[in-house]
Each structure stands twice: as structure tokens, then as C-alpha cells.
Amino acid sequence: MSGAILETWIMGEILRSWWHNGRRAPFYYYRDKDQKEIDLLIVQDGILYPLEFKKTASPGRRVASHFQTLAKLNMPVGPGGVICLVDQVLPLTNQVSAIPVGAV
């Protein structure tokens, strides 16, 4: 349950930060017929920004492998992130970084 609790807390903090800044939160959850999921899609200026939430301090490249499925949506995809228990921002791929949960 601790992973689900962390995911809920992260989502709540992100949503709260948008609302406290007087902004509408263009947030979406993604899941396709193949059960590939992305915890949060932020759509801004017609660009998709994917985020995954993980309870790990050592995320690998595979954590964000579902981000590739967004190509079939025919929308530009911006840089993505994996919000997790790392101490500092770390690149996982050219387009995906591990982001400390404390930065939320």
C-alpha cells in the first residue's frame, strides 16, 4: 500500500500547486488496451508531458518505457519525468529524468 499512498500524495501535491497558482490543471491519466499506463499526462500548449510516480531510489530506463506509446496519439511529446525517491535530478534517457519526490 505504501506505493499507492505515495502516488496519491504526489498527485495531490502537484494538483494543489497548480490550483494555488490560480491555474487550471490540464491533467490526464493514460491507459491503453494493452494495459500500458502513465500516471500523469500534463497537456500544455498542445504538448504532452508524461510523468510516472515510483517508490524507488534507483529507477531504471524501463520505468518510463510506456512513454513511447504516446507517439500513436499524434501529438508532440515533451520531456518526461519519473518522480521517485532519488536525492537529485538524474537523467534516465535523453527525454526522461528522475525527479526527487521532495521537488514536488
PDB file of N, CA and C in Angstrom:
ATOM      1  N   MET A   1       0.805  -1.206   0.000  1.00  0.00           N
ATOM      2  CA  MET A   1       0.000   0.000   0.000  1.00  0.00           C
ATOM      3  C   MET A   1       0.844   1.265   0.000  1.00  0.00           C
ATOM      4  N   SER A   2       2.095   1.172   0.461  1.00  0.00           N
ATOM      5  CA  SER A   2       2.895   2.394   0.576  1.00  0.00           C
ATOM      6  C   SER A   2       3.148   3.039  -0.785  1.00  0.00           C
ATOM      7  N   GLY A   3       3.257   2.232  -1.849  1.00  0.00           N
ATOM      8  CA  GLY A   3       3.444   2.792  -3.186  1.00  0.00           C
ATOM      9  C   GLY A   3       2.216   3.564  -3.634  1.00  0.00           C
ATOM     10  N   ALA A   4       1.044   3.015  -3.384  1.00  0.00           N
ATOM     11  CA  ALA A   4      -0.206   3.685  -3.752  1.00  0.00           C
ATOM     12  C   ALA A   4      -0.398   4.962  -2.941  1.00  0.00           C
ATOM     13  N   ILE A   5      -0.031   4.926  -1.679  1.00  0.00           N
ATOM     14  CA  ILE A   5      -0.142   6.121  -0.836  1.00  0.00           C
ATOM     15  C   ILE A   5       0.800   7.208  -1.345  1.00  0.00           C
ATOM     16  N   LEU A   6       2.024   6.826  -1.705  1.00  0.00           N
ATOM     17  CA  LEU A   6       2.981   7.802  -2.243  1.00  0.00           C
ATOM     18  C   LEU A   6       2.454   8.399  -3.545  1.00  0.00           C
ATOM     19  N   GLU A   7       1.917   7.576  -4.439  1.00  0.00           N
ATOM     20  CA  GLU A   7       1.372   8.071  -5.707  1.00  0.00           C
ATOM     21  C   GLU A   7       0.250   9.080  -5.457  1.00  0.00           C
ATOM     22  N   THR A   8      -0.627   8.768  -4.525  1.00  0.00           N
ATOM     23  CA  THR A   8      -1.737   9.662  -4.213  1.00  0.00           C
ATOM     24  C   THR A   8      -1.226  10.984  -3.644  1.00  0.00           C
ATOM     25  N   TRP A   9      -0.231  10.910  -2.774  1.00  0.00           N
ATOM     26  CA  TRP A   9       0.335  12.125  -2.187  1.00  0.00           C
ATOM     27  C   TRP A   9       0.991  12.992  -3.269  1.00  0.00           C
ATOM     28  N   ILE A  10       1.776  12.377  -4.152  1.00  0.00           N
ATOM     29  CA  ILE A  10       2.447  13.130  -5.224  1.00  0.00           C
ATOM     30  C   ILE A  10       1.405  13.829  -6.097  1.00  0.00           C
ATOM     31  N   MET A  11       0.382  13.084  -6.519  1.00  0.00           N
ATOM     32  CA  MET A  11      -0.653  13.666  -7.375  1.00  0.00           C
ATOM     33  C   MET A  11      -1.345  14.825  -6.668  1.00  0.00           C
ATOM     34  N   GLY A  12      -1.645  14.652  -5.398  1.00  0.00           N
ATOM     35  CA  GLY A  12      -2.287  15.718  -4.637  1.00  0.00           C
ATOM     36  C   GLY A  12      -1.425  16.969  -4.545  1.00  0.00           C
ATOM     37  N   GLU A  13      -0.131  16.787  -4.336  1.00  0.00           N
ATOM     38  CA  GLU A  13       0.781  17.930  -4.229  1.00  0.00           C
ATOM     39  C   GLU A  13       0.907  18.666  -5.560  1.00  0.00           C
ATOM     40  N   ILE A  14       0.988  17.924  -6.644  1.00  0.00           N
ATOM     41  CA  ILE A  14       1.085  18.565  -7.969  1.00  0.00           C
ATOM     42  C   ILE A  14      -0.201  19.333  -8.263  1.00  0.00           C
ATOM     43  N   LEU A  15      -1.332  18.696  -8.036  1.00  0.00           N
ATOM     44  CA  LEU A  15      -2.617  19.348  -8.278  1.00  0.00           C
ATOM     45  C   LEU A  15      -2.772  20.599  -7.416  1.00  0.00           C
ATOM     46  N   ARG A  16      -2.420  20.489  -6.151  1.00  0.00           N
ATOM     47  CA  ARG A  16      -2.519  21.628  -5.237  1.00  0.00           C
ATOM     48  C   ARG A  16      -1.642  22.783  -5.703  1.00  0.00           C
ATOM     49  N   SER A  17      -0.440  22.499  -6.188  1.00  0.00           N
ATOM     50  CA  SER A  17       0.452  23.576  -6.621  1.00  0.00           C
ATOM     51  C   SER A  17      -0.122  24.320  -7.828  1.00  0.00           C
ATOM     52  N   TRP A  18      -0.784  23.619  -8.720  1.00  0.00           N
ATOM     53  CA  TRP A  18      -1.423  24.281  -9.863  1.00  0.00           C
ATOM     54  C   TRP A  18      -2.566  25.159  -9.374  1.00  0.00           C
ATOM     55  N   TRP A  19      -3.424  24.602  -8.523  1.00  0.00           N
ATOM     56  CA  TRP A  19      -4.577  25.356  -8.036  1.00  0.00           C
ATOM     57  C   TRP A  19      -4.153  26.574  -7.226  1.00  0.00           C
ATOM     58  N   HIS A  20      -3.119  26.437  -6.410  1.00  0.00           N
ATOM     59  CA  HIS A  20      -2.672  27.565  -5.579  1.00  0.00           C
ATOM     60  C   HIS A  20      -2.067  28.685  -6.409  1.00  0.00           C
ATOM     61  N   ASN A  21      -1.658  28.359  -7.625  1.00  0.00           N
ATOM     62  CA  ASN A  21      -1.141  29.378  -8.531  1.00  0.00           C
ATOM     63  C   ASN A  21      -2.227  29.894  -9.472  1.00  0.00           C
ATOM     64  N   GLY A  22      -3.487  29.535  -9.177  1.00  0.00           N
ATOM     65  CA  GLY A  22      -4.614  30.033  -9.957  1.00  0.00           C
ATOM     66  C   GLY A  22      -4.708  29.452 -11.351  1.00  0.00           C
ATOM     67  N   ARG A  23      -4.133  28.276 -11.534  1.00  0.00           N
ATOM     68  CA  ARG A  23      -4.122  27.664 -12.870  1.00  0.00           C
ATOM     69  C   ARG A  23      -5.041  26.458 -12.920  1.00  0.00           C
ATOM     70  N   ARG A  24      -5.644  26.263 -14.072  1.00  0.00           N
ATOM     71  CA  ARG A  24      -6.426  25.069 -14.333  1.00  0.00           C
ATOM     72  C   ARG A  24      -5.446  23.930 -14.577  1.00  0.00           C
ATOM     73  N   ALA A  25      -5.711  22.791 -14.001  1.00  0.00           N
ATOM     74  CA  ALA A  25      -4.797  21.650 -14.116  1.00  0.00           C
ATOM     75  C   ALA A  25      -5.185  20.776 -15.308  1.00  0.00           C
ATOM     76  N   PRO A  26      -4.430  20.849 -16.409  1.00  0.00           N
ATOM     77  CA  PRO A  26      -4.730  20.032 -17.589  1.00  0.00           C
ATOM     78  C   PRO A  26      -4.131  18.631 -17.437  1.00  0.00           C
ATOM     79  N   PHE A  27      -4.634  17.878 -16.475  1.00  0.00           N
ATOM     80  CA  PHE A  27      -4.055  16.587 -16.104  1.00  0.00           C
ATOM     81  C   PHE A  27      -4.902  15.440 -16.637  1.00  0.00           C
ATOM     82  N   TYR A  28      -4.205  14.386 -17.054  1.00  0.00           N
ATOM     83  CA  TYR A  28      -4.872  13.192 -17.550  1.00  0.00           C
ATOM     84  C   TYR A  28      -4.105  11.951 -17.096  1.00  0.00           C
ATOM     85  N   TYR A  29      -4.823  10.864 -17.015  1.00  0.00           N
ATOM     86  CA  TYR A  29      -4.246   9.547 -16.747  1.00  0.00           C
ATOM     87  C   TYR A  29      -4.332   8.780 -18.055  1.00  0.00           C
ATOM     88  N   TYR A  30      -3.301   8.007 -18.365  1.00  0.00           N
ATOM     89  CA  TYR A  30      -3.297   7.263 -19.631  1.00  0.00           C
ATOM     90  C   TYR A  30      -3.244   5.762 -19.378  1.00  0.00           C
ATOM     91  N   ARG A  31      -4.112   5.043 -20.060  1.00  0.00           N
ATOM     92  CA  ARG A  31      -4.050   3.584 -20.077  1.00  0.00           C
ATOM     93  C   ARG A  31      -4.647   3.119 -21.386  1.00  0.00           C
ATOM     94  N   ASP A  32      -3.903   2.274 -22.102  1.00  0.00           N
ATOM     95  CA  ASP A  32      -4.404   1.799 -23.390  1.00  0.00           C
ATOM     96  C   ASP A  32      -4.905   0.361 -23.296  1.00  0.00           C
ATOM     97  N   LYS A  33      -5.337  -0.176 -24.415  1.00  0.00           N
ATOM     98  CA  LYS A  33      -5.909  -1.532 -24.432  1.00  0.00           C
ATOM     99  C   LYS A  33      -4.890  -2.597 -24.071  1.00  0.00           C
ATOM    100  N   ASP A  34      -3.603  -2.287 -24.188  1.00  0.00           N
ATOM    101  CA  ASP A  34      -2.532  -3.225 -23.827  1.00  0.00           C
ATOM    102  C   ASP A  34      -2.123  -3.082 -22.366  1.00  0.00           C
ATOM    103  N   GLN A  35      -2.902  -2.310 -21.607  1.00  0.00           N
ATOM    104  CA  GLN A  35      -2.673  -2.085 -20.173  1.00  0.00           C
ATOM    105  C   GLN A  35      -1.406  -1.275 -19.881  1.00  0.00           C
ATOM    106  N   LYS A  36      -0.911  -0.530 -20.854  1.00  0.00           N
ATOM    107  CA  LYS A  36       0.220   0.360 -20.607  1.00  0.00           C
ATOM    108  C   LYS A  36      -0.317   1.630 -19.965  1.00  0.00           C
ATOM    109  N   GLU A  37       0.258   1.984 -18.830  1.00  0.00           N
ATOM    110  CA  GLU A  37      -0.241   3.110 -18.050  1.00  0.00           C
ATOM    111  C   GLU A  37       0.823   4.191 -17.875  1.00  0.00           C
ATOM    112  N   ILE A  38       0.345   5.423 -17.782  1.00  0.00           N
ATOM    113  CA  ILE A  38       1.190   6.558 -17.418  1.00  0.00           C
ATOM    114  C   ILE A  38       0.422   7.304 -16.334  1.00  0.00           C
ATOM    115  N   ASP A  39       1.054   7.511 -15.197  1.00  0.00           N
ATOM    116  CA  ASP A  39       0.373   8.067 -14.038  1.00  0.00           C
ATOM    117  C   ASP A  39      -0.189   9.461 -14.268  1.00  0.00           C
ATOM    118  N   LEU A  40       0.536  10.296 -14.990  1.00  0.00           N
ATOM    119  CA  LEU A  40       0.065  11.664 -15.196  1.00  0.00           C
ATOM    120  C   LEU A  40       0.554  12.186 -16.534  1.00  0.00           C
ATOM    121  N   LEU A  41      -0.378  12.728 -17.310  1.00  0.00           N
ATOM    122  CA  LEU A  41      -0.050  13.465 -18.532  1.00  0.00           C
ATOM    123  C   LEU A  41      -0.474  14.902 -18.298  1.00  0.00           C
ATOM    124  N   ILE A  42       0.458  15.804 -18.444  1.00  0.00           N
ATOM    125  CA  ILE A  42       0.140  17.227 -18.373  1.00  0.00           C
ATOM    126  C   ILE A  42       0.138  17.726 -19.814  1.00  0.00           C
ATOM    127  N   VAL A  43      -0.970  18.318 -20.214  1.00  0.00           N
ATOM    128  CA  VAL A  43      -1.084  18.839 -21.576  1.00  0.00           C
ATOM    129  C   VAL A  43      -1.004  20.351 -21.492  1.00  0.00           C
ATOM    130  N   GLN A  44       0.037  20.885 -22.116  1.00  0.00           N
ATOM    131  CA  GLN A  44       0.253  22.324 -22.069  1.00  0.00           C
ATOM    132  C   GLN A  44       0.675  22.804 -23.446  1.00  0.00           C
ATOM    133  N   ASP A  45      -0.062  23.773 -23.988  1.00  0.00           N
ATOM    134  CA  ASP A  45       0.212  24.323 -25.317  1.00  0.00           C
ATOM    135  C   ASP A  45       0.281  23.226 -26.382  1.00  0.00           C
ATOM    136  N   GLY A  46      -0.581  22.228 -26.266  1.00  0.00           N
ATOM    137  CA  GLY A  46      -0.654  21.154 -27.262  1.00  0.00           C
ATOM    138  C   GLY A  46       0.458  20.127 -27.159  1.00  0.00           C
ATOM    139  N   ILE A  47       1.224  20.154 -26.084  1.00  0.00           N
ATOM    140  CA  ILE A  47       2.339  19.210 -25.887  1.00  0.00           C
ATOM    141  C   ILE A  47       2.035  18.338 -24.678  1.00  0.00           C
ATOM    142  N   LEU A  48       2.307  17.037 -24.805  1.00  0.00           N
ATOM    143  CA  LEU A  48       2.120  16.085 -23.710  1.00  0.00           C
ATOM    144  C   LEU A  48       3.407  15.973 -22.908  1.00  0.00           C
ATOM    145  N   TYR A  49       3.293  16.091 -21.592  1.00  0.00           N
ATOM    146  CA  TYR A  49       4.422  15.909 -20.688  1.00  0.00           C
ATOM    147  C   TYR A  49       4.087  14.741 -19.759  1.00  0.00           C
ATOM    148  N   PRO A  50       4.720  13.575 -19.969  1.00  0.00           N
ATOM    149  CA  PRO A  50       4.379  12.395 -19.169  1.00  0.00           C
ATOM    150  C   PRO A  50       5.175  12.321 -17.863  1.00  0.00           C
ATOM    151  N   LEU A  51       4.491  11.851 -16.812  1.00  0.00           N
ATOM    152  CA  LEU A  51       5.130  11.648 -15.516  1.00  0.00           C
ATOM    153  C   LEU A  51       4.714  10.299 -14.943  1.00  0.00           C
ATOM    154  N   GLU A  52       5.663   9.610 -14.375  1.00  0.00           N
ATOM    155  CA  GLU A  52       5.418   8.369 -13.646  1.00  0.00           C
ATOM    156  C   GLU A  52       5.769   8.623 -12.194  1.00  0.00           C
ATOM    157  N   PHE A  53       5.093   7.958 -11.280  1.00  0.00           N
ATOM    158  CA  PHE A  53       5.382   8.047  -9.853  1.00  0.00           C
ATOM    159  C   PHE A  53       5.827   6.668  -9.397  1.00  0.00           C
ATOM    160  N   LYS A  54       7.008   6.580  -8.785  1.00  0.00           N
ATOM    161  CA  LYS A  54       7.534   5.290  -8.337  1.00  0.00           C
ATOM    162  C   LYS A  54       8.142   5.398  -6.949  1.00  0.00           C
ATOM    163  N   LYS A  55       7.933   4.358  -6.179  1.00  0.00           N
ATOM    164  CA  LYS A  55       8.541   4.287  -4.843  1.00  0.00           C
ATOM    165  C   LYS A  55       9.850   3.512  -4.951  1.00  0.00           C
ATOM    166  N   THR A  56      10.841   4.173  -5.535  1.00  0.00           N
ATOM    167  CA  THR A  56      12.162   3.577  -5.683  1.00  0.00           C
ATOM    168  C   THR A  56      13.208   4.679  -5.620  1.00  0.00           C
ATOM    169  N   ALA A  57      14.387   4.325  -5.134  1.00  0.00           N
ATOM    170  CA  ALA A  57      15.504   5.273  -5.111  1.00  0.00           C
ATOM    171  C   ALA A  57      16.478   4.984  -6.240  1.00  0.00           C
ATOM    172  N   SER A  58      16.192   3.942  -7.024  1.00  0.00           N
ATOM    173  CA  SER A  58      17.094   3.596  -8.129  1.00  0.00           C
ATOM    174  C   SER A  58      16.290   3.220  -9.380  1.00  0.00           C
ATOM    175  N   PRO A  59      15.635   4.209  -9.989  1.00  0.00           N
ATOM    176  CA  PRO A  59      14.838   3.921 -11.177  1.00  0.00           C
ATOM    177  C   PRO A  59      15.725   3.587 -12.370  1.00  0.00           C
ATOM    178  N   GLY A  60      15.270   2.682 -13.182  1.00  0.00           N
ATOM    179  CA  GLY A  60      15.987   2.341 -14.411  1.00  0.00           C
ATOM    180  C   GLY A  60      15.280   2.939 -15.608  1.00  0.00           C
ATOM    181  N   ARG A  61      15.866   2.759 -16.771  1.00  0.00           N
ATOM    182  CA  ARG A  61      15.278   3.286 -18.004  1.00  0.00           C
ATOM    183  C   ARG A  61      13.915   2.686 -18.305  1.00  0.00           C
ATOM    184  N   ARG A  62      13.709   1.459 -17.897  1.00  0.00           N
ATOM    185  CA  ARG A  62      12.456   0.771 -18.206  1.00  0.00           C
ATOM    186  C   ARG A  62      11.256   1.372 -17.482  1.00  0.00           C
ATOM    187  N   VAL A  63      11.504   2.123 -16.424  1.00  0.00           N
ATOM    188  CA  VAL A  63      10.410   2.722 -15.654  1.00  0.00           C
ATOM    189  C   VAL A  63       9.542   3.609 -16.553  1.00  0.00           C
ATOM    190  N   ALA A  64      10.148   4.259 -17.505  1.00  0.00           N
ATOM    191  CA  ALA A  64       9.423   5.177 -18.392  1.00  0.00           C
ATOM    192  C   ALA A  64       9.196   4.593 -19.780  1.00  0.00           C
ATOM    193  N   SER A  65       9.279   3.294 -19.919  1.00  0.00           N
ATOM    194  CA  SER A  65       9.152   2.674 -21.245  1.00  0.00           C
ATOM    195  C   SER A  65       7.780   2.902 -21.871  1.00  0.00           C
ATOM    196  N   HIS A  66       6.752   3.098 -21.072  1.00  0.00           N
ATOM    197  CA  HIS A  66       5.410   3.323 -21.617  1.00  0.00           C
ATOM    198  C   HIS A  66       5.258   4.699 -22.248  1.00  0.00           C
ATOM    199  N   PHE A  67       6.181   5.590 -21.996  1.00  0.00           N
ATOM    200  CA  PHE A  67       6.109   6.919 -22.599  1.00  0.00           C
ATOM    201  C   PHE A  67       6.129   6.824 -24.123  1.00  0.00           C
ATOM    202  N   GLN A  68       6.752   5.785 -24.654  1.00  0.00           N
ATOM    203  CA  GLN A  68       6.851   5.612 -26.111  1.00  0.00           C
ATOM    204  C   GLN A  68       5.485   5.398 -26.756  1.00  0.00           C
ATOM    205  N   THR A  69       4.521   4.881 -26.004  1.00  0.00           N
ATOM    206  CA  THR A  69       3.192   4.626 -26.566  1.00  0.00           C
ATOM    207  C   THR A  69       2.461   5.919 -26.925  1.00  0.00           C
ATOM    208  N   LEU A  70       2.913   7.033 -26.403  1.00  0.00           N
ATOM    209  CA  LEU A  70       2.259   8.308 -26.678  1.00  0.00           C
ATOM    210  C   LEU A  70       2.430   8.752 -28.122  1.00  0.00           C
ATOM    211  N   ALA A  71       3.394   8.200 -28.816  1.00  0.00           N
ATOM    212  CA  ALA A  71       3.629   8.573 -30.213  1.00  0.00           C
ATOM    213  C   ALA A  71       2.396   8.320 -31.078  1.00  0.00           C
ATOM    214  N   LYS A  72       1.612   7.314 -30.726  1.00  0.00           N
ATOM    215  CA  LYS A  72       0.438   6.990 -31.535  1.00  0.00           C
ATOM    216  C   LYS A  72      -0.709   7.994 -31.345  1.00  0.00           C
ATOM    217  N   LEU A  73      -0.594   8.929 -30.424  1.00  0.00           N
ATOM    218  CA  LEU A  73      -1.630   9.929 -30.202  1.00  0.00           C
ATOM    219  C   LEU A  73      -1.522  11.115 -31.164  1.00  0.00           C
ATOM    220  N   ASN A  74      -0.467  11.133 -31.969  1.00  0.00           N
ATOM    221  CA  ASN A  74      -0.248  12.196 -32.955  1.00  0.00           C
ATOM    222  C   ASN A  74      -0.223  13.593 -32.327  1.00  0.00           C
ATOM    223  N   MET A  75       0.411  13.682 -31.179  1.00  0.00           N
ATOM    224  CA  MET A  75       0.640  14.960 -30.510  1.00  0.00           C
ATOM    225  C   MET A  75       2.113  15.033 -30.136  1.00  0.00           C
ATOM    226  N   PRO A  76       2.680  16.218 -30.116  1.00  0.00           N
ATOM    227  CA  PRO A  76       4.070  16.330 -29.687  1.00  0.00           C
ATOM    228  C   PRO A  76       4.216  15.907 -28.220  1.00  0.00           C
ATOM    229  N   VAL A  77       5.311  15.214 -27.937  1.00  0.00           N
ATOM    230  CA  VAL A  77       5.595  14.761 -26.576  1.00  0.00           C
ATOM    231  C   VAL A  77       6.845  15.479 -26.089  1.00  0.00           C
ATOM    232  N   GLY A  78       6.708  16.175 -24.979  1.00  0.00           N
ATOM    233  CA  GLY A  78       7.834  16.893 -24.388  1.00  0.00           C
ATOM    234  C   GLY A  78       8.616  15.993 -23.457  1.00  0.00           C
ATOM    235  N   PRO A  79       9.574  16.551 -22.756  1.00  0.00           N
ATOM    236  CA  PRO A  79      10.352  15.765 -21.806  1.00  0.00           C
ATOM    237  C   PRO A  79       9.462  15.198 -20.704  1.00  0.00           C
ATOM    238  N   GLY A  80       9.810  14.008 -20.238  1.00  0.00           N
ATOM    239  CA  GLY A  80       9.047  13.351 -19.191  1.00  0.00           C
ATOM    240  C   GLY A  80       9.865  13.203 -17.925  1.00  0.00           C
ATOM    241  N   GLY A  81       9.207  12.689 -16.910  1.00  0.00           N
ATOM    242  CA  GLY A  81       9.900  12.512 -15.643  1.00  0.00           C
ATOM    243  C   GLY A  81       9.356  11.337 -14.857  1.00  0.00           C
ATOM    244  N   VAL A  82      10.208  10.840 -13.982  1.00  0.00           N
ATOM    245  CA  VAL A  82       9.823   9.805 -13.035  1.00  0.00           C
ATOM    246  C   VAL A  82      10.046  10.404 -11.655  1.00  0.00           C
ATOM    247  N   ILE A  83       8.957  10.698 -10.961  1.00  0.00           N
ATOM    248  CA  ILE A  83       9.065  11.263  -9.623  1.00  0.00           C
ATOM    249  C   ILE A  83       9.233  10.103  -8.660  1.00  0.00           C
ATOM    250  N   CYS A  84      10.358  10.112  -7.952  1.00  0.00           N
ATOM    251  CA  CYS A  84      10.699   8.958  -7.115  1.00  0.00           C
ATOM    252  C   CYS A  84      11.575   9.397  -5.938  1.00  0.00           C
ATOM    253  N   LEU A  85      12.190   8.447  -5.275  1.00  0.00           N
ATOM    254  CA  LEU A  85      12.937   8.712  -4.048  1.00  0.00           C
ATOM    255  C   LEU A  85      14.425   8.993  -4.264  1.00  0.00           C
ATOM    256  N   VAL A  86      14.803   9.518  -5.417  1.00  0.00           N
ATOM    257  CA  VAL A  86      16.198   9.893  -5.656  1.00  0.00           C
ATOM    258  C   VAL A  86      16.507  11.177  -4.894  1.00  0.00           C
ATOM    259  N   ASP A  87      17.800  11.462  -4.703  1.00  0.00           N
ATOM    260  CA  ASP A  87      18.224  12.653  -3.968  1.00  0.00           C
ATOM    261  C   ASP A  87      18.356  13.886  -4.842  1.00  0.00           C
ATOM    262  N   GLN A  88      18.586  13.678  -6.141  1.00  0.00           N
ATOM    263  CA  GLN A  88      18.762  14.792  -7.066  1.00  0.00           C
ATOM    264  C   GLN A  88      18.244  14.388  -8.439  1.00  0.00           C
ATOM    265  N   VAL A  89      18.027  15.370  -9.300  1.00  0.00           N
ATOM    266  CA  VAL A  89      17.559  15.084 -10.652  1.00  0.00           C
ATOM    267  C   VAL A  89      18.639  14.306 -11.386  1.00  0.00           C
ATOM    268  N   LEU A  90      18.236  13.190 -11.982  1.00  0.00           N
ATOM    269  CA  LEU A  90      19.158  12.328 -12.711  1.00  0.00           C
ATOM    270  C   LEU A  90      18.585  12.006 -14.081  1.00  0.00           C
ATOM    271  N   PRO A  91      19.384  12.113 -15.145  1.00  0.00           N
ATOM    272  CA  PRO A  91      18.871  11.728 -16.460  1.00  0.00           C
ATOM    273  C   PRO A  91      18.745  10.202 -16.562  1.00  0.00           C
ATOM    274  N   LEU A  92      17.616   9.744 -17.082  1.00  0.00           N
ATOM    275  CA  LEU A  92      17.427   8.311 -17.345  1.00  0.00           C
ATOM    276  C   LEU A  92      17.591   8.028 -18.829  1.00  0.00           C
ATOM    277  N   THR A  93      17.088   8.936 -19.658  1.00  0.00           N
ATOM    278  CA  THR A  93      17.249   8.872 -21.115  1.00  0.00           C
ATOM    279  C   THR A  93      17.416  10.310 -21.600  1.00  0.00           C
ATOM    280  N   ASN A  94      17.463  10.492 -22.912  1.00  0.00           N
ATOM    281  CA  ASN A  94      17.565  11.853 -23.455  1.00  0.00           C
ATOM    282  C   ASN A  94      16.337  12.696 -23.128  1.00  0.00           C
ATOM    283  N   GLN A  95      15.180  12.054 -22.974  1.00  0.00           N
ATOM    284  CA  GLN A  95      13.927  12.768 -22.770  1.00  0.00           C
ATOM    285  C   GLN A  95      13.293  12.568 -21.395  1.00  0.00           C
ATOM    286  N   VAL A  96      13.897  11.740 -20.545  1.00  0.00           N
ATOM    287  CA  VAL A  96      13.282  11.406 -19.256  1.00  0.00           C
ATOM    288  C   VAL A  96      14.297  11.572 -18.129  1.00  0.00           C
ATOM    289  N   SER A  97      13.854  12.224 -17.051  1.00  0.00           N
ATOM    290  CA  SER A  97      14.711  12.402 -15.867  1.00  0.00           C
ATOM    291  C   SER A  97      14.026  11.842 -14.633  1.00  0.00           C
ATOM    292  N   ALA A  98      14.820  11.372 -13.707  1.00  0.00           N
ATOM    293  CA  ALA A  98      14.323  11.005 -12.377  1.00  0.00           C
ATOM    294  C   ALA A  98      14.285  12.297 -11.563  1.00  0.00           C
ATOM    295  N   ILE A  99      13.162  12.539 -10.901  1.00  0.00           N
ATOM    296  CA  ILE A  99      12.947  13.776 -10.168  1.00  0.00           C
ATOM    297  C   ILE A  99      12.706  13.436  -8.703  1.00  0.00           C
ATOM    298  N   PRO A 100      13.392  14.094  -7.768  1.00  0.00           N
ATOM    299  CA  PRO A 100      13.170  13.794  -6.351  1.00  0.00           C
ATOM    300  C   PRO A 100      11.747  14.133  -5.920  1.00  0.00           C
ATOM    301  N   VAL A 101      11.168  13.278  -5.118  1.00  0.00           N
ATOM    302  CA  VAL A 101       9.815  13.495  -4.631  1.00  0.00           C
ATOM    303  C   VAL A 101       9.738  14.785  -3.821  1.00  0.00           C
ATOM    304  N   GLY A 102      10.827  15.200  -3.232  1.00  0.00           N
ATOM    305  CA  GLY A 102      10.865  16.449  -2.482  1.00  0.00           C
ATOM    306  C   GLY A 102      10.748  17.680  -3.345  1.00  0.00           C
ATOM    307  N   ALA A 103      10.950  17.550  -4.652  1.00  0.00           N
ATOM    308  CA  ALA A 103      10.836  18.689  -5.561  1.00  0.00           C
ATOM    309  C   ALA A 103       9.377  18.991  -5.893  1.00  0.00           C
ATOM    310  N   VAL A 104       8.509  18.070  -5.524  1.00  0.00           N
ATOM    311  CA  VAL A 104       7.084  18.255  -5.817  1.00  0.00           C
ATOM    312  C   VAL A 104       6.575  19.290  -4.868  1.00  0.00           C
TER     313      VAL A 104
END
